[in-house]
Amino acid sequence: MRRPLPTTLSRAAARARPTATGPLWPGARYTREDRDRALHRGLRFIYRLACVPKNFEDYGDDFLWCFYSLSVSTADPWIRREAWRMGQERARQWRRDYCRLPRRADAFEVCGWVFGNLAADSLNVHDARLTGSLMRAAAKFKPRDYFHFDPVKDPIPRDVPDDCEACQTSNGRGRKRCRKCGAKLTMLSRYDVITDALITAHAGELSGIRMGRDLADVTARLAALRPYRGPHGGSHRGYIDLVYTVTHVVYALNNYGLYRLRPSWLPHEFAFLKKHLRQSIADGDAETTGEFLDTLKAFGLTEADRLIRAGMDFVLSRQRCDGSWGEPGEDCYTPYHATWTAIGGLMDYAFRGERSRHAEALRRAR
């Protein structure tokens, strides 16, 4: 049974009505009212998912970061207000669920708790005692525990196995068969490995809880992946993983939509995004199109650009009747994440100038 929104949120949502009118641009098939309605329906969909206990148990830290980052980066007053309100309500629940770090927590568990703690802190729901516990626990592990490699000493590895598809067990670097069930393992691409490292190091830098290495140590490894390859007619099997690496370079350096970046600062990433956005449209992929759009907007592109118009028109055309994007399934992550990226691709941003909070990481990335 679908859980209803808390009364305060329902009333606020009911009072809010889209006010913008007119086409998104001259000749557009959608209006600003259409876009606003799509954004608001999408945010409500994410909140409904976040209120399901199993979903929140699996992805609570991610839900909190979604609500926080949307609330501080959007130019839409309704999204800013409601994402913050939803995020705070969920952050209080996260604090009730996660008040004491397990005594034998490994590096992966510590990462998850740091992400959730950072997001809850960012939403002004604090727990100083837990923060202290996380700082002490994080210091016990080495860079290879967090990243599967040491960005200062090692090249990006090719022998990191993904979780076992048969039993979901995590396995150590270099293993080809699952230590628990013996099933053959699939290796993560180098793009997957560096994307996880970007996310982890960025969270550590923002939270003040260092997890292995600084963000600058990770961005220094990007040179090994350039120049970025295109899809090559489908022959580049790691292409989608590469897309997420490129977009997460932007997210890490502009703090998930807070700042604009100058294209000349990251010319490889900017050129890749401009060149391949239409490929994600041709692939019928609204999720990656959303990430192409919001990262290109971070580089200064606007609805005056034909590329942005094509992407926004496509994403608007793919919203489902329940307000979501992406394909539904047993796990909530796909429709949740696709809806988050669609919102990010469609909305207007309230950028706080052209800069990066992580100046050294940007310098090393260049």
Protein backbone atom coordinates (compact mmCIF):
# COMPACT_ATOMS: atom_id res chain seq x y z
CA MET A 1 0.00 0.00 0.00
CA ARG A 2 1.35 3.43 -0.91
CA ARG A 3 2.19 5.53 2.11
CA PRO A 4 0.69 9.06 2.09
CA LEU A 5 2.82 12.16 2.44
CA PRO A 6 2.91 13.65 5.93
CA THR A 7 0.14 16.21 6.38
CA THR A 8 2.43 19.24 6.41
CA LEU A 9 3.97 18.25 3.10
CA SER A 10 0.63 17.39 1.52
CA ARG A 11 -0.86 20.76 2.42
CA ALA A 12 2.18 22.64 1.20
CA ALA A 13 2.15 20.72 -2.06
CA ALA A 14 -1.56 21.34 -2.50
CA ARG A 15 -1.11 25.06 -2.03
CA ALA A 16 1.72 25.27 -4.57
CA ARG A 17 0.68 25.74 -8.17
CA PRO A 18 2.89 26.31 -11.22
CA THR A 19 2.80 29.99 -12.13
CA ALA A 20 5.10 30.24 -15.16
CA THR A 21 3.34 30.34 -18.52
CA GLY A 22 4.25 30.37 -22.19
CA PRO A 23 6.45 28.04 -24.26
CA LEU A 24 9.85 27.03 -22.89
CA TRP A 25 11.36 28.68 -25.99
CA PRO A 26 9.92 29.95 -29.27
CA GLY A 27 8.25 27.04 -31.04
CA ALA A 28 8.63 24.60 -28.11
CA ARG A 29 5.96 21.92 -27.78
CA TYR A 30 6.04 22.21 -23.97
CA THR A 31 5.28 25.24 -21.82
CA ARG A 32 6.98 26.42 -18.68
CA GLU A 33 3.90 25.28 -16.81
CA ASP A 34 4.35 21.79 -18.29
CA ARG A 35 7.98 21.75 -17.16
CA ASP A 36 7.15 22.96 -13.64
CA ARG A 37 4.39 20.40 -13.28
CA ALA A 38 6.75 17.63 -14.41
CA LEU A 39 9.39 18.72 -11.89
CA HIS A 40 6.95 18.83 -9.00
CA ARG A 41 5.44 15.44 -9.86
CA GLY A 42 8.94 13.98 -10.05
CA LEU A 43 9.96 15.30 -6.64
CA ARG A 44 6.79 13.93 -5.04
CA PHE A 45 7.52 10.54 -6.64
CA ILE A 46 11.01 10.46 -5.10
CA TYR A 47 9.59 11.33 -1.69
CA ARG A 48 7.02 8.54 -1.90
CA LEU A 49 9.83 6.08 -2.63
CA ALA A 50 11.94 7.46 0.22
CA CYS A 51 9.07 6.88 2.67
CA VAL A 52 9.01 3.11 1.98
CA PRO A 53 11.06 1.56 4.83
CA LYS A 54 12.91 -0.99 2.64
CA ASN A 55 13.87 1.68 0.10
CA PHE A 56 15.10 3.99 2.83
CA GLU A 57 17.05 1.20 4.47
CA ASP A 58 18.83 0.49 1.17
CA TYR A 59 19.36 4.04 -0.11
CA GLY A 60 18.63 6.45 2.73
CA ASP A 61 21.94 8.33 2.44
CA ASP A 62 21.39 8.81 -1.30
CA PHE A 63 17.82 10.03 -0.83
CA LEU A 64 19.03 12.62 1.69
CA TRP A 65 21.71 13.91 -0.66
CA CYS A 66 19.17 14.12 -3.48
CA PHE A 67 16.81 16.28 -1.42
CA TYR A 68 19.63 18.46 -0.09
CA SER A 69 21.39 19.06 -3.41
CA LEU A 70 18.14 19.92 -5.19
CA SER A 71 17.08 22.30 -2.42
CA VAL A 72 20.29 24.35 -2.54
CA SER A 73 20.91 24.38 -6.30
CA THR A 74 17.48 25.04 -7.84
CA ALA A 75 16.04 28.37 -8.89
CA ASP A 76 12.50 26.98 -8.44
CA PRO A 77 11.11 28.27 -5.11
CA TRP A 78 8.71 25.33 -4.75
CA ILE A 79 11.43 22.72 -5.24
CA ARG A 80 13.77 24.61 -2.94
CA ARG A 81 11.19 24.71 -0.16
CA GLU A 82 9.72 21.22 -0.57
CA ALA A 83 13.00 19.37 -1.18
CA TRP A 84 14.37 20.93 2.00
CA ARG A 85 11.26 20.04 3.97
CA MET A 86 11.20 16.47 2.65
CA GLY A 87 14.93 16.12 3.26
CA GLN A 88 14.72 17.30 6.84
CA GLU A 89 11.87 14.91 7.62
CA ARG A 90 13.82 11.99 6.14
CA ALA A 91 17.06 13.14 7.85
CA ARG A 92 15.38 12.96 11.25
CA GLN A 93 14.32 9.41 10.41
CA TRP A 94 17.87 8.57 9.31
CA ARG A 95 19.20 9.85 12.63
CA ARG A 96 16.77 7.58 14.47
CA ASP A 97 17.80 4.59 12.36
CA TYR A 98 21.55 5.25 12.41
CA CYS A 99 22.61 6.57 15.78
CA ARG A 100 25.48 4.18 16.62
CA LEU A 101 28.13 2.93 14.22
CA PRO A 102 28.57 -0.88 14.39
CA ARG A 103 31.69 -1.80 16.34
CA ARG A 104 33.17 -3.92 13.55
CA ALA A 105 32.17 -1.68 10.62
CA ASP A 106 34.42 -2.14 7.59
CA ALA A 107 35.54 0.63 5.23
CA PHE A 108 32.51 0.16 2.97
CA GLU A 109 30.11 0.52 5.90
CA VAL A 110 31.99 3.56 7.22
CA CYS A 111 31.64 5.17 3.76
CA GLY A 112 27.88 4.65 3.79
CA TRP A 113 27.56 6.13 7.25
CA VAL A 114 29.76 9.11 6.32
CA PHE A 115 27.56 9.79 3.27
CA GLY A 116 24.38 9.68 5.37
CA ASN A 117 25.90 11.74 8.17
CA LEU A 118 27.11 14.39 5.69
CA ALA A 119 23.68 14.62 4.05
CA ALA A 120 21.86 14.84 7.39
CA ASP A 121 24.31 17.49 8.62
CA SER A 122 23.80 19.43 5.38
CA LEU A 123 20.05 19.39 6.12
CA ASN A 124 20.77 20.80 9.62
CA VAL A 125 19.95 17.56 11.44
CA HIS A 126 23.11 16.91 13.47
CA ASP A 127 24.64 14.24 15.69
CA ALA A 128 28.05 15.36 16.98
CA ARG A 129 28.64 12.07 18.78
CA LEU A 130 28.22 10.03 15.59
CA THR A 131 30.49 12.41 13.69
CA GLY A 132 33.22 11.81 16.26
CA SER A 133 32.79 8.05 15.99
CA LEU A 134 33.03 8.22 12.21
CA MET A 135 36.21 10.29 12.31
CA ARG A 136 37.88 7.75 14.58
CA ALA A 137 36.66 4.77 12.54
CA ALA A 138 37.63 6.29 9.18
CA ALA A 139 41.21 6.86 10.31
CA LYS A 140 41.73 3.11 10.79
CA PHE A 141 41.53 2.27 7.09
CA LYS A 142 43.96 2.79 4.22
CA PRO A 143 43.26 4.27 0.76
CA ARG A 144 43.02 0.81 -0.83
CA ASP A 145 40.25 -0.09 1.62
CA TYR A 146 38.15 2.81 0.31
CA PHE A 147 39.09 2.97 -3.37
CA HIS A 148 40.47 -0.54 -4.18
CA PHE A 149 43.69 1.27 -5.08
CA ASP A 150 45.85 4.10 -3.78
CA PRO A 151 45.39 7.09 -6.14
CA VAL A 152 48.78 8.49 -5.12
CA LYS A 153 50.71 5.29 -5.87
CA ASP A 154 48.69 3.05 -8.17
CA PRO A 155 47.18 3.25 -11.66
CA ILE A 156 43.41 2.82 -11.90
CA PRO A 157 42.94 -0.97 -11.65
CA ARG A 158 41.16 -3.30 -14.04
CA ASP A 159 40.84 -6.26 -11.64
CA VAL A 160 38.21 -5.02 -9.15
CA PRO A 161 35.25 -7.44 -9.13
CA ASP A 162 31.68 -6.23 -8.93
CA ASP A 163 29.47 -7.75 -6.23
CA CYS A 164 28.58 -11.34 -7.09
CA GLU A 165 25.44 -11.44 -9.24
CA ALA A 166 24.40 -14.77 -7.70
CA CYS A 167 24.69 -13.99 -3.98
CA GLN A 168 25.60 -10.25 -3.79
CA THR A 169 28.82 -11.00 -1.87
CA SER A 170 31.66 -8.49 -2.08
CA ASN A 171 35.00 -9.93 -3.14
CA GLY A 172 38.55 -8.69 -2.92
CA ARG A 173 40.56 -7.28 -5.78
CA GLY A 174 41.90 -9.89 -8.18
CA ARG A 175 39.34 -12.62 -7.44
CA LYS A 176 37.70 -14.16 -10.50
CA ARG A 177 35.22 -16.38 -8.65
CA CYS A 178 33.04 -15.56 -5.65
CA ARG A 179 34.57 -16.55 -2.35
CA LYS A 180 31.13 -17.58 -1.05
CA CYS A 181 29.29 -19.33 -3.90
CA GLY A 182 32.00 -19.85 -6.52
CA ALA A 183 30.14 -17.99 -9.29
CA LYS A 184 32.19 -16.25 -11.97
CA LEU A 185 32.69 -12.57 -11.21
CA THR A 186 32.45 -9.56 -13.53
CA MET A 187 35.16 -6.92 -13.27
CA LEU A 188 34.31 -3.27 -12.79
CA SER A 189 35.53 -0.96 -15.52
CA ARG A 190 38.22 1.59 -14.70
CA TYR A 191 35.49 4.21 -15.11
CA ASP A 192 33.39 2.59 -12.37
CA VAL A 193 36.39 2.50 -10.05
CA ILE A 194 37.33 6.16 -10.57
CA THR A 195 33.70 7.33 -10.32
CA ASP A 196 33.33 5.62 -6.93
CA ALA A 197 36.62 7.20 -5.86
CA LEU A 198 35.42 10.68 -6.91
CA ILE A 199 32.20 10.29 -4.92
CA THR A 200 33.98 8.93 -1.83
CA ALA A 201 36.76 11.52 -1.78
CA HIS A 202 34.29 14.36 -2.40
CA ALA A 203 32.12 13.26 0.53
CA GLY A 204 35.18 12.98 2.73
CA GLU A 205 36.33 16.46 1.81
CA LEU A 206 32.94 18.06 2.45
CA SER A 207 32.41 16.25 5.74
CA GLY A 208 35.92 16.75 7.08
CA ILE A 209 36.20 12.97 7.53
CA ARG A 210 39.12 11.98 5.32
CA MET A 211 38.64 8.62 3.68
CA GLY A 212 42.00 7.51 2.37
CA ARG A 213 42.98 10.34 0.05
CA ASP A 214 41.95 13.86 -0.91
CA LEU A 215 39.78 14.65 -3.92
CA ALA A 216 42.80 16.20 -5.65
CA ASP A 217 44.64 12.86 -5.44
CA VAL A 218 41.75 11.24 -7.32
CA THR A 219 41.27 13.93 -9.98
CA ALA A 220 45.00 13.72 -10.78
CA ARG A 221 44.30 10.23 -12.20
CA LEU A 222 41.82 11.51 -14.82
CA ALA A 223 44.64 12.12 -17.31
CA ALA A 224 44.99 8.33 -17.69
CA LEU A 225 41.46 8.15 -19.12
CA ARG A 226 41.78 10.99 -21.64
CA PRO A 227 41.00 11.52 -24.43
CA TYR A 228 37.56 10.11 -23.70
CA ARG A 229 36.23 7.57 -26.18
CA GLY A 230 32.77 7.77 -27.73
CA PRO A 231 30.32 4.86 -28.07
CA HIS A 232 31.85 3.80 -31.42
CA GLY A 233 28.61 2.33 -32.69
CA GLY A 234 28.13 0.27 -29.56
CA SER A 235 31.57 -1.35 -29.62
CA HIS A 236 32.75 0.58 -26.57
CA ARG A 237 31.25 -1.59 -23.85
CA GLY A 238 32.32 0.75 -21.07
CA TYR A 239 30.74 3.83 -22.67
CA ILE A 240 27.89 4.33 -20.14
CA ASP A 241 30.35 3.91 -17.27
CA LEU A 242 32.49 6.61 -18.93
CA VAL A 243 29.49 8.96 -19.17
CA TYR A 244 29.02 8.73 -15.41
CA THR A 245 32.71 9.34 -14.82
CA VAL A 246 32.58 12.55 -16.87
CA THR A 247 29.40 13.82 -15.21
CA HIS A 248 30.74 13.04 -11.73
CA VAL A 249 33.93 14.97 -12.43
CA VAL A 250 31.62 17.95 -12.91
CA TYR A 251 29.49 17.15 -9.84
CA ALA A 252 32.52 16.80 -7.60
CA LEU A 253 34.05 20.06 -8.79
CA ASN A 254 30.89 22.18 -8.81
CA ASN A 255 29.44 20.68 -5.59
CA TYR A 256 26.46 19.09 -7.30
CA GLY A 257 25.09 22.16 -9.02
CA LEU A 258 26.17 24.98 -6.71
CA TYR A 259 28.70 26.63 -9.05
CA ARG A 260 29.25 27.21 -12.76
CA LEU A 261 32.47 25.92 -14.29
CA ARG A 262 34.34 27.54 -17.16
CA PRO A 263 34.59 25.19 -20.19
CA SER A 264 38.28 26.00 -20.54
CA TRP A 265 38.87 24.55 -17.07
CA LEU A 266 37.71 21.07 -18.15
CA PRO A 267 37.90 21.08 -21.96
CA HIS A 268 37.90 17.27 -22.34
CA GLU A 269 34.76 16.87 -20.24
CA PHE A 270 32.97 19.78 -21.90
CA ALA A 271 33.75 18.53 -25.42
CA PHE A 272 32.61 14.99 -24.55
CA LEU A 273 29.29 16.17 -23.12
CA LYS A 274 28.52 18.42 -26.09
CA LYS A 275 29.44 15.76 -28.62
CA HIS A 276 27.48 12.86 -27.13
CA LEU A 277 24.28 14.26 -25.60
CA ARG A 278 22.35 13.45 -28.78
CA GLN A 279 23.55 9.84 -28.53
CA SER A 280 21.75 9.44 -25.20
CA ILE A 281 18.58 10.79 -26.85
CA ALA A 282 18.99 8.34 -29.74
CA ASP A 283 19.42 5.55 -27.18
CA GLY A 284 16.11 6.54 -25.54
CA ASP A 285 17.94 7.06 -22.23
CA ALA A 286 16.32 9.82 -20.18
CA GLU A 287 18.49 9.06 -17.15
CA THR A 288 21.84 9.80 -18.79
CA THR A 289 20.30 12.62 -20.84
CA GLY A 290 19.42 14.30 -17.54
CA GLU A 291 23.04 14.11 -16.42
CA PHE A 292 24.26 15.44 -19.78
CA LEU A 293 21.86 18.38 -19.43
CA ASP A 294 22.65 19.43 -15.88
CA THR A 295 26.41 19.19 -16.37
CA LEU A 296 26.25 21.17 -19.62
CA LYS A 297 24.18 23.78 -17.78
CA ALA A 298 26.99 23.90 -15.22
CA PHE A 299 29.30 24.92 -18.08
CA GLY A 300 26.99 27.81 -18.96
CA LEU A 301 24.75 26.36 -21.67
CA THR A 302 21.12 27.50 -21.47
CA GLU A 303 17.77 26.91 -23.14
CA ALA A 304 18.97 29.24 -25.90
CA ASP A 305 21.23 26.38 -27.06
CA ARG A 306 19.67 23.90 -29.50
CA LEU A 307 21.42 21.02 -27.76
CA ILE A 308 19.82 21.85 -24.42
CA ARG A 309 16.44 22.28 -26.09
CA ALA A 310 16.66 18.87 -27.75
CA GLY A 311 17.57 17.21 -24.46
CA MET A 312 14.87 18.91 -22.41
CA ASP A 313 12.20 18.16 -25.02
CA PHE A 314 13.20 14.48 -24.98
CA VAL A 315 13.24 14.20 -21.17
CA LEU A 316 9.84 15.86 -20.85
CA SER A 317 8.43 13.40 -23.38
CA ARG A 318 9.57 10.41 -21.28
CA GLN A 319 7.91 11.11 -17.92
CA ARG A 320 5.67 8.27 -16.76
CA CYS A 321 2.12 8.71 -15.50
CA ASP A 322 3.22 8.30 -11.85
CA GLY A 323 5.65 11.22 -12.16
CA SER A 324 8.76 9.08 -12.56
CA TRP A 325 11.36 8.49 -15.25
CA GLY A 326 13.15 5.21 -15.88
CA GLU A 327 11.92 1.65 -15.83
CA PRO A 328 10.20 0.26 -12.72
CA GLY A 329 11.54 -2.95 -11.20
CA GLU A 330 12.01 -4.89 -8.00
CA ASP A 331 14.63 -2.41 -6.82
CA CYS A 332 13.66 1.26 -6.50
CA TYR A 333 17.03 2.66 -7.49
CA THR A 334 16.54 2.82 -11.25
CA PRO A 335 13.31 4.89 -11.27
CA TYR A 336 14.54 6.92 -8.28
CA HIS A 337 17.89 7.86 -9.82
CA ALA A 338 16.43 8.40 -13.28
CA THR A 339 13.84 10.77 -11.79
CA TRP A 340 16.52 12.67 -9.87
CA THR A 341 18.65 13.13 -13.00
CA ALA A 342 15.61 14.15 -15.06
CA ILE A 343 14.74 16.83 -12.51
CA GLY A 344 18.34 18.03 -12.57
CA GLY A 345 18.33 18.19 -16.36
CA LEU A 346 15.06 20.10 -16.61
CA MET A 347 15.27 22.64 -13.80
CA ASP A 348 16.85 26.09 -13.76
CA TYR A 349 19.84 26.55 -11.47
CA ALA A 350 20.69 29.31 -9.01
CA PHE A 351 24.45 29.12 -9.49
CA ARG A 352 26.58 30.91 -6.90
CA GLY A 353 29.10 32.26 -9.35
CA GLU A 354 31.80 30.69 -11.50
CA ARG A 355 34.24 28.81 -9.27
CA SER A 356 35.06 25.50 -7.62
CA ARG A 357 35.23 24.99 -3.90
CA HIS A 358 37.92 22.40 -4.59
CA ALA A 359 40.56 24.54 -6.27
CA GLU A 360 43.42 22.07 -5.89
CA ALA A 361 41.29 19.19 -7.18
CA LEU A 362 40.39 21.32 -10.21
CA ARG A 363 44.03 22.20 -10.78
CA ARG A 364 45.07 18.54 -10.64
CA ALA A 365 42.20 17.57 -12.94
CA ARG A 366 43.52 19.98 -15.54
